[in-house]
Protein backbone atom coordinates (compact mmCIF):
# COMPACT_ATOMS: atom_id res chain seq x y z
CA MET A 1 2.57 -8.24 12.66
CA LEU A 2 1.79 -6.74 9.31
CA SER A 3 1.20 -9.66 6.34
CA LYS A 4 1.00 -9.12 2.96
CA ILE A 5 -2.34 -10.45 1.74
CA LYS A 6 -1.58 -12.16 -1.36
CA GLN A 7 -2.74 -15.99 -1.10
CA SER A 8 0.03 -18.52 -1.45
CA GLY A 9 -1.12 -22.06 -2.60
CA LEU A 10 -4.45 -22.76 -0.99
CA MET A 11 -3.77 -20.27 1.84
CA ALA A 12 -2.85 -16.61 1.94
CA VAL A 13 -3.32 -13.34 3.93
CA MET A 14 -5.95 -11.35 5.46
CA THR A 15 -8.79 -8.74 6.74
CA LEU A 16 -12.61 -7.91 8.21
CA VAL A 17 -16.22 -8.29 8.10
CA LEU A 18 -19.33 -5.96 9.15
CA GLY A 19 -22.68 -7.19 10.40
CA ALA A 20 -25.85 -5.32 10.66
CA ALA A 21 -28.91 -6.03 12.78
CA LEU A 22 -32.67 -4.76 12.69
CA GLY A 23 -34.46 -4.17 15.77
CA PHE A 24 -37.99 -2.88 16.83
CA GLY A 25 -38.24 0.61 18.66
CA ALA A 26 -40.73 2.12 20.76
CA ALA A 27 -42.21 3.32 17.50
CA GLY A 28 -43.79 -0.05 16.46
CA PRO A 29 -44.53 -0.74 12.99
CA LEU A 30 -43.60 2.39 11.71
CA GLN A 31 -40.13 2.27 13.03
CA THR A 32 -39.79 -1.34 11.45
CA VAL A 33 -40.91 -0.28 7.80
CA HIS A 34 -38.47 2.72 7.89
CA SER A 35 -35.72 0.38 8.76
CA GLN A 36 -36.59 -1.93 6.20
CA ASN A 37 -36.56 0.76 3.55
CA ALA A 38 -33.06 1.75 4.75
CA LEU A 39 -31.73 -1.94 4.30
CA ASP A 40 -33.42 -2.00 0.94
CA SER A 41 -31.64 1.23 0.10
CA GLU A 42 -28.32 0.08 0.99
CA THR A 43 -28.69 -3.49 -0.17
CA GLN A 44 -29.26 -1.83 -3.95
CA LEU A 45 -26.29 0.37 -3.39
CA PHE A 46 -24.09 -2.79 -2.69
CA ARG A 47 -25.62 -4.60 -5.86
CA ASP A 48 -25.04 -1.48 -8.03
CA VAL A 49 -21.56 -1.06 -7.04
CA TYR A 50 -20.95 -5.03 -7.48
CA GLY A 51 -22.56 -5.07 -10.79
CA LYS A 52 -20.50 -2.19 -12.04
CA ALA A 53 -17.13 -3.21 -10.81
CA ASN A 54 -16.96 -6.82 -10.66
CA PRO A 55 -16.72 -7.71 -14.35
CA SER A 56 -13.46 -5.42 -14.26
CA VAL A 57 -12.13 -7.33 -11.22
CA VAL A 58 -9.82 -10.27 -12.00
CA SER A 59 -8.21 -13.36 -10.25
CA ILE A 60 -4.79 -13.91 -10.73
CA ASN A 61 -3.02 -17.04 -10.48
CA VAL A 62 0.84 -17.30 -10.63
CA ARG A 63 3.38 -19.96 -10.78
CA ILE A 64 6.85 -19.30 -8.80
CA PRO A 65 9.82 -21.49 -10.16
CA GLY A 66 11.01 -23.50 -7.10
CA GLY A 67 14.09 -22.41 -5.20
CA GLN A 68 13.65 -18.74 -6.35
CA GLY A 69 11.97 -17.12 -3.17
CA GLY A 70 9.96 -14.58 -5.10
CA LEU A 71 8.81 -11.73 -3.08
CA ASN A 72 5.32 -12.42 -3.66
CA VAL A 73 5.57 -15.42 -1.31
CA ASP A 74 4.83 -13.83 1.98
CA PRO A 75 7.18 -15.43 4.75
CA ASN A 76 4.26 -14.33 7.16
CA SER A 77 1.41 -15.97 5.40
CA PRO A 78 0.39 -19.26 6.75
CA GLY A 79 1.57 -21.39 3.51
CA GLN A 80 3.93 -20.84 1.06
CA GLY A 81 2.18 -22.16 -1.92
CA GLN A 82 1.55 -25.90 -3.48
CA GLY A 83 4.40 -27.14 -5.40
CA GLN A 84 4.21 -30.27 -7.80
CA GLY A 85 7.24 -32.26 -6.15
CA GLN A 86 9.82 -33.93 -7.96
CA GLY A 87 10.29 -36.92 -5.76
CA GLN A 88 10.97 -37.69 -1.99
CA GLY A 89 13.72 -35.52 -0.61
CA GLN A 90 13.60 -33.28 -3.74
CA SER A 91 12.53 -29.54 -3.80
CA ALA A 92 9.37 -28.77 -5.77
CA PRO A 93 9.93 -27.42 -9.13
CA PHE A 94 7.34 -24.27 -8.70
CA GLN A 95 4.92 -23.03 -6.24
CA LEU A 96 1.28 -21.81 -7.08
CA ALA A 97 -0.13 -18.66 -5.59
CA ALA A 98 -3.03 -16.44 -6.14
CA GLY A 99 -4.25 -12.85 -5.65
CA SER A 100 -6.52 -10.33 -7.38
CA GLY A 101 -6.33 -7.20 -9.38
CA PHE A 102 -8.66 -5.17 -11.72
CA VAL A 103 -8.57 -3.48 -15.49
CA TYR A 104 -6.70 -0.49 -15.61
CA ASP A 105 -7.37 0.74 -19.05
CA ASN A 106 -8.50 -0.39 -22.60
CA ALA A 107 -5.11 -1.56 -23.65
CA GLY A 108 -5.50 -4.80 -21.56
CA ASN A 109 -3.24 -3.55 -18.64
CA ILE A 110 -4.27 -5.05 -15.23
CA VAL A 111 -3.04 -3.44 -11.84
CA THR A 112 -2.27 -5.70 -9.04
CA ASN A 113 0.38 -5.65 -6.01
CA ALA A 114 4.07 -6.43 -6.81
CA HIS A 115 4.31 -8.89 -4.53
CA VAL A 116 1.61 -11.13 -6.12
CA VAL A 117 3.74 -11.27 -9.34
CA GLN A 118 7.50 -10.83 -8.36
CA GLY A 119 9.45 -13.65 -9.40
CA THR A 120 6.77 -15.45 -11.34
CA ASP A 121 7.11 -17.38 -14.66
CA GLN A 122 3.61 -17.66 -15.61
CA ILE A 123 0.55 -15.53 -14.80
CA GLU A 124 -3.15 -16.42 -15.49
CA VAL A 125 -5.67 -13.92 -15.25
CA THR A 126 -9.43 -14.85 -14.93
CA PHE A 127 -12.19 -12.31 -15.51
CA SER A 128 -15.72 -12.66 -13.83
CA ASP A 129 -17.18 -14.36 -16.93
CA ASP A 130 -14.73 -17.34 -16.61
CA THR A 131 -12.50 -16.10 -19.48
CA THR A 132 -8.82 -16.66 -18.70
CA MET A 133 -6.01 -15.13 -20.76
CA MET A 134 -2.05 -15.77 -19.89
CA ALA A 135 -0.38 -12.22 -18.92
CA LYS A 136 3.19 -10.94 -18.93
CA VAL A 137 4.30 -8.44 -16.57
CA ILE A 138 4.88 -4.52 -17.89
CA GLY A 139 6.42 -3.31 -14.82
CA ILE A 140 7.00 -3.50 -11.04
CA ASP A 141 7.48 -1.35 -8.27
CA LEU A 142 8.62 -2.87 -5.12
CA ASP A 143 8.86 0.47 -3.38
CA ALA A 144 4.94 1.06 -3.77
CA ASP A 145 3.98 -2.55 -3.81
CA ILE A 146 2.36 -2.00 -7.21
CA ALA A 147 2.77 -4.14 -10.51
CA VAL A 148 1.14 -3.61 -14.07
CA ILE A 149 0.44 -6.85 -16.14
CA LYS A 150 -1.01 -7.21 -19.64
CA VAL A 151 -3.23 -9.88 -20.61
CA GLN A 152 -2.40 -11.56 -24.02
CA GLY A 153 -5.71 -11.43 -25.60
CA ASP A 154 -8.64 -9.16 -26.38
CA ALA A 155 -9.77 -7.64 -23.33
CA SER A 156 -11.66 -4.53 -25.16
CA LYS A 157 -15.00 -5.80 -23.70
CA TYR A 158 -14.03 -5.29 -19.89
CA GLN A 159 -14.32 -1.72 -18.71
CA PRO A 160 -11.51 -0.08 -16.97
CA LEU A 161 -12.20 0.97 -13.36
CA GLN A 162 -12.28 4.63 -12.55
CA LEU A 163 -9.96 5.95 -9.92
CA ALA A 164 -11.31 8.23 -7.41
CA ASN A 165 -9.01 10.98 -5.89
CA SER A 166 -7.81 9.62 -2.45
CA ASP A 167 -7.02 12.92 -1.44
CA THR A 168 -10.64 13.80 -0.82
CA LEU A 169 -11.01 10.67 1.32
CA SER A 170 -12.21 10.99 5.09
CA VAL A 171 -12.44 8.52 7.76
CA GLY A 172 -16.14 6.99 7.84
CA ASP A 173 -16.43 7.00 4.31
CA ARG A 174 -17.43 3.66 2.77
CA ALA A 175 -15.11 1.05 1.73
CA ILE A 176 -16.09 -2.03 -0.38
CA ALA A 177 -13.41 -4.44 -1.37
CA ILE A 178 -14.04 -7.30 -4.29
CA GLY A 179 -11.59 -10.03 -5.00
CA ASN A 180 -10.25 -13.49 -4.96
CA PRO A 181 -9.85 -14.48 -1.13
CA PHE A 182 -9.12 -18.22 -0.51
CA GLU A 183 -9.58 -18.44 -4.18
CA ARG A 184 -13.18 -17.59 -3.94
CA SER A 185 -13.62 -15.05 -6.97
CA GLY A 186 -15.82 -12.31 -7.38
CA THR A 187 -16.36 -12.06 -3.16
CA MET A 188 -17.51 -8.49 -1.98
CA THR A 189 -16.63 -7.23 1.69
CA GLN A 190 -17.73 -4.06 2.88
CA GLY A 191 -16.77 -1.56 5.68
CA ILE A 192 -15.47 1.87 6.18
CA VAL A 193 -12.19 4.08 5.76
CA SER A 194 -11.28 3.66 9.40
CA GLY A 195 -8.05 5.49 9.05
CA LEU A 196 -5.88 7.90 6.63
CA HIS A 197 -2.42 8.64 6.22
CA ARG A 198 -1.01 5.50 7.55
CA THR A 199 2.54 4.47 6.90
CA VAL A 200 3.20 0.87 5.77
CA ASP A 201 6.39 -1.25 4.73
CA GLY A 202 6.99 -1.48 1.09
CA LEU A 203 8.90 -4.43 -0.43
CA ALA A 204 12.33 -2.75 -1.26
CA ALA A 205 14.90 -2.94 1.13
CA THR A 206 17.49 0.00 1.59
CA GLY A 207 21.47 -0.71 1.79
CA GLN A 208 20.95 -1.06 5.20
CA GLY A 209 18.51 -3.90 4.99
CA SER A 210 15.27 -2.23 6.50
CA ALA A 211 12.28 -1.62 3.85
CA TYR A 212 11.47 1.73 2.35
CA THR A 213 7.86 2.83 3.46
CA ILE A 214 4.89 3.63 1.85
CA PRO A 215 3.11 6.87 2.75
CA ASP A 216 -0.57 8.03 2.97
CA ALA A 217 -2.16 3.94 3.10
CA ILE A 218 -5.70 3.84 3.74
CA GLN A 219 -7.03 1.88 6.79
CA THR A 220 -10.24 -0.01 6.45
CA ASP A 221 -12.13 -2.54 8.27
CA ALA A 222 -13.43 -4.19 5.26
CA ALA A 223 -12.41 -7.86 5.44
CA LEU A 224 -9.52 -8.77 3.35
CA ASN A 225 -8.11 -12.07 3.45
CA PRO A 226 -5.52 -14.46 1.73
CA GLY A 227 -5.81 -13.69 -2.07
CA ASN A 228 -7.34 -10.49 -1.69
CA SER A 229 -3.69 -8.77 -2.52
CA GLY A 230 -3.97 -6.40 -5.38
CA GLY A 231 -7.70 -6.01 -5.99
CA PRO A 232 -9.75 -2.80 -5.64
CA LEU A 233 -10.86 -1.10 -2.65
CA LEU A 234 -13.99 0.89 -3.89
CA ASN A 235 -16.09 3.66 -2.68
CA ASP A 236 -19.97 3.78 -3.05
CA GLN A 237 -19.85 5.14 -6.68
CA ALA A 238 -17.74 2.02 -7.82
CA GLN A 239 -14.57 4.00 -8.10
CA VAL A 240 -11.22 2.76 -7.00
CA ILE A 241 -9.81 4.58 -3.85
CA GLY A 242 -6.95 2.04 -3.12
CA VAL A 243 -5.27 -1.34 -3.96
CA ASN A 244 -5.51 -3.64 -0.94
CA GLU A 245 -2.06 -4.55 0.20
CA GLN A 246 -1.62 -5.95 3.66
CA ILE A 247 -3.32 -6.34 7.19
CA ALA A 248 -2.17 -6.03 10.83
CA SER A 249 -2.77 -9.32 12.43
CA GLN A 250 -1.41 -11.50 15.15
CA VAL A 251 -3.16 -14.39 13.75
CA ARG A 252 -2.38 -14.28 10.12
CA GLN A 253 -6.17 -13.67 9.55
CA SER A 254 -8.66 -10.80 9.03
CA SER A 255 -8.31 -8.71 12.17
CA GLY A 256 -10.44 -5.54 10.99
CA VAL A 257 -7.36 -3.56 10.48
CA SER A 258 -6.29 -3.73 6.72
CA PHE A 259 -4.25 -1.24 4.38
CA ALA A 260 -4.78 -0.43 0.87
CA ILE A 261 -2.35 1.69 -1.58
CA PRO A 262 -4.21 5.07 -2.26
CA SER A 263 -5.46 5.53 -5.58
CA ASN A 264 -3.26 8.72 -6.27
CA ILE A 265 -0.05 6.75 -5.65
CA VAL A 266 -1.60 3.94 -7.71
CA LYS A 267 -2.06 6.18 -10.78
CA LEU A 268 1.39 8.08 -10.11
CA VAL A 269 3.14 4.34 -10.55
CA ALA A 270 0.91 2.58 -12.74
CA ASP A 271 1.04 5.42 -15.39
CA ALA A 272 5.01 5.42 -15.41
CA LEU A 273 5.29 1.66 -15.28
CA ILE A 274 3.13 1.52 -18.57
CA LYS A 275 5.02 4.22 -20.14
CA THR A 276 8.48 3.28 -19.15
CA GLY A 277 8.28 0.09 -17.37
CA LYS A 278 9.55 1.54 -14.12
CA PHE A 279 9.04 4.38 -11.57
CA GLU A 280 11.85 6.05 -9.92
CA HIS A 281 11.60 7.25 -6.13
CA THR A 282 13.46 10.29 -4.82
CA TYR A 283 16.04 9.79 -2.00
CA LEU A 284 16.95 11.99 0.92
CA GLY A 285 19.18 9.84 2.88
CA ILE A 286 18.17 10.51 6.47
CA SER A 287 16.76 8.76 9.42
CA GLY A 288 14.44 10.59 11.87
CA ASN A 289 11.36 10.57 14.02
CA SER A 290 8.66 13.21 14.64
CA LEU A 291 9.19 15.32 17.43
CA THR A 292 7.54 14.15 20.70
CA LEU A 293 6.88 15.77 24.04
CA ASP A 294 9.51 13.86 25.49
CA ALA A 295 11.78 14.71 22.64
CA THR A 296 11.01 18.72 22.84
CA THR A 297 11.60 18.58 26.62
CA ALA A 298 15.15 16.49 26.17
CA LEU A 299 16.08 19.26 23.51
CA LYS A 300 14.69 22.12 25.38
CA LEU A 301 12.22 23.26 22.70
CA ASP A 302 8.96 24.59 23.00
CA PRO A 303 6.68 21.60 23.55
CA ASN A 304 4.32 22.84 20.66
CA THR A 305 7.32 22.68 18.35
CA LYS A 306 6.42 20.14 15.39
CA GLY A 307 8.73 18.86 12.86
CA VAL A 308 11.04 15.75 11.80
CA TYR A 309 14.26 15.26 14.21
CA VAL A 310 17.19 14.03 12.12
CA SER A 311 18.86 11.24 14.13
CA ALA A 312 21.17 10.16 11.32
CA VAL A 313 22.52 11.23 7.85
CA SER A 314 23.50 8.38 5.38
CA PRO A 315 26.97 8.96 4.11
CA ASN A 316 27.20 10.19 0.34
CA SER A 317 23.66 10.88 0.69
CA PRO A 318 21.99 14.10 -0.96
CA ALA A 319 21.09 15.12 2.46
CA SER A 320 24.81 14.76 3.54
CA LYS A 321 25.90 16.60 0.34
CA ALA A 322 23.73 19.37 1.20
CA GLY A 323 25.12 19.56 4.82
CA LEU A 324 22.18 18.57 6.87
CA LYS A 325 23.00 17.35 10.21
CA GLY A 326 22.27 14.28 12.42
CA ALA A 327 22.82 13.71 16.16
CA THR A 328 26.47 14.54 17.16
CA SER A 329 26.46 11.96 20.05
CA ASN A 330 25.27 8.37 20.56
CA ALA A 331 24.56 9.63 24.28
CA ALA A 332 20.89 10.12 24.59
CA ILE A 333 19.71 13.24 26.58
CA GLY A 334 16.25 11.43 27.70
CA THR A 335 15.19 9.54 24.64
CA VAL A 336 16.90 11.92 22.07
CA ALA A 337 20.44 11.71 21.04
CA PRO A 338 21.25 15.65 20.82
CA GLY A 339 22.94 17.73 17.69
CA GLY A 340 20.50 16.89 14.77
CA ASP A 341 18.75 19.31 12.55
CA ILE A 342 14.89 19.64 13.07
CA ILE A 343 13.38 19.79 9.78
CA VAL A 344 10.02 21.95 9.94
CA ALA A 345 9.09 22.73 6.27
CA VAL A 346 9.80 21.28 2.95
CA ASP A 347 9.50 24.02 -0.17
CA HIS A 348 7.70 26.12 2.65
CA GLN A 349 5.02 23.64 3.54
CA PRO A 350 4.95 22.82 7.23
CA ILE A 351 6.05 19.46 8.27
CA LYS A 352 4.67 18.22 11.45
CA HIS A 353 5.41 14.32 11.10
CA PHE A 354 7.89 12.24 9.51
CA ASP A 355 4.90 10.79 7.39
CA ASP A 356 4.57 14.48 6.21
CA LEU A 357 8.00 14.64 4.85
CA THR A 358 7.65 11.00 3.35
CA ALA A 359 4.54 11.63 1.72
CA TYR A 360 5.71 14.95 0.09
CA LEU A 361 8.98 13.31 -1.39
CA PHE A 362 6.79 10.21 -2.67
CA MET A 363 4.36 12.06 -4.35
CA LYS A 364 5.65 15.67 -5.00
CA THR A 365 9.28 15.32 -6.09
CA THR A 366 11.23 13.63 -8.92
CA VAL A 367 14.84 12.32 -9.41
CA GLY A 368 17.22 15.36 -9.86
CA GLN A 369 14.79 17.86 -8.28
CA THR A 370 16.05 20.47 -5.68
CA ILE A 371 13.85 21.23 -2.87
CA THR A 372 14.26 23.51 0.22
CA LEU A 373 14.29 22.05 3.74
CA THR A 374 13.90 24.65 6.25
CA VAL A 375 15.51 23.30 9.28
CA MET A 376 16.03 24.47 12.95
CA ARG A 377 19.70 24.29 14.12
CA ASN A 378 20.94 25.53 17.36
CA GLY A 379 17.49 27.62 17.87
CA GLN A 380 17.84 29.33 14.51
CA GLN A 381 15.86 28.51 11.28
CA GLN A 382 17.83 28.25 7.92
CA ASP A 383 17.13 27.07 4.45
CA ILE A 384 19.08 24.24 3.04
CA GLN A 385 19.00 23.15 -0.78
CA VAL A 386 19.02 19.58 -1.45
CA THR A 387 19.09 18.01 -4.63
CA LEU A 388 17.34 14.54 -4.70
CA ALA A 389 18.63 11.45 -6.05
CA ALA A 390 17.15 7.91 -7.11
CA ARG A 391 16.92 5.47 -4.12
CA PRO A 392 19.69 3.20 -3.63
CA HIS A 393 18.36 -0.59 -2.93
CA ALA A 394 19.92 -3.47 -1.38
CA ALA A 395 22.37 -5.32 -3.63
CA ASN A 396 20.35 -8.44 -3.92
CA GLN A 397 17.32 -6.77 -5.42
């Protein structure tokens, strides 16, 4: 189960904790001194990161009008917030929820998750020195689950956190989270980057009701819990590598598998929200899967063939207008219905997995841009020009 990690009411959503132990080896006292020195160095690093970053991390408390069912109230979270009731048998006029965020620039803009502030009518931002200001929404992008809010007051003394280049991350890099879990503001947890290039569900639904996905998410074992949503995931230089967003858990609590939106997506989206109040994502209009060994066998391909098998093409989509072909039959050969194109490159860059295509469209393209898809059809490669459109969304969004 993937759960958004915004806190709703006194409860919220999820992630991890690491422990360290010191031992005495055969080297005796010399070994002990060496371990103690290493611990002191690590402790100082954490103190330095906290001292530099925490003044720029904020706690966010929001009010959601009753009956609106804002997306910030996670249906998978253990609670739906606390409302002030109107009386027995009547619905509460509002719900309360909490999350995290961080100072993005010198103009008072704060970055958080879209699901923290979506559907709210009141936002309070509290800094680490207990200064509280009201805030308003500047822009929300449900597709990336990123929002920008702006405090209504002088926040010039709070320094913006620097964003790292998330493309340079490696598994094993240090990951440090600061946020407001269980409304315990200023909480720091630590771990590592435990995976890269993960795909997670966004908040925006397609016309078919399924969710658009967010590519290149960072997986971490750093402990995230209810209320951590929207807070920064940091490297050992106190730079933001991602925005904490959701966890994978069967018990709706920290399980050691959590996900953050990478800083490069955060910057792309946040800058657009500040400038125009919105971010338009490109749309191709296909359903498909990465080729597996079963699929290549069923389609009588070289087993080393990599790419995206197009199982369906949406009507009137850019892919449909360009002549891309989906499976021609519902009758599967093995695990694959035959007849679909296989996308092996986009703009002459190899595509090995479906996530590669999603990430390229997400990060490298704009609405109205024409891209070149290299496809295999009937054993032959050909280039197809596709002009991308803006993503359609479900009618109720």
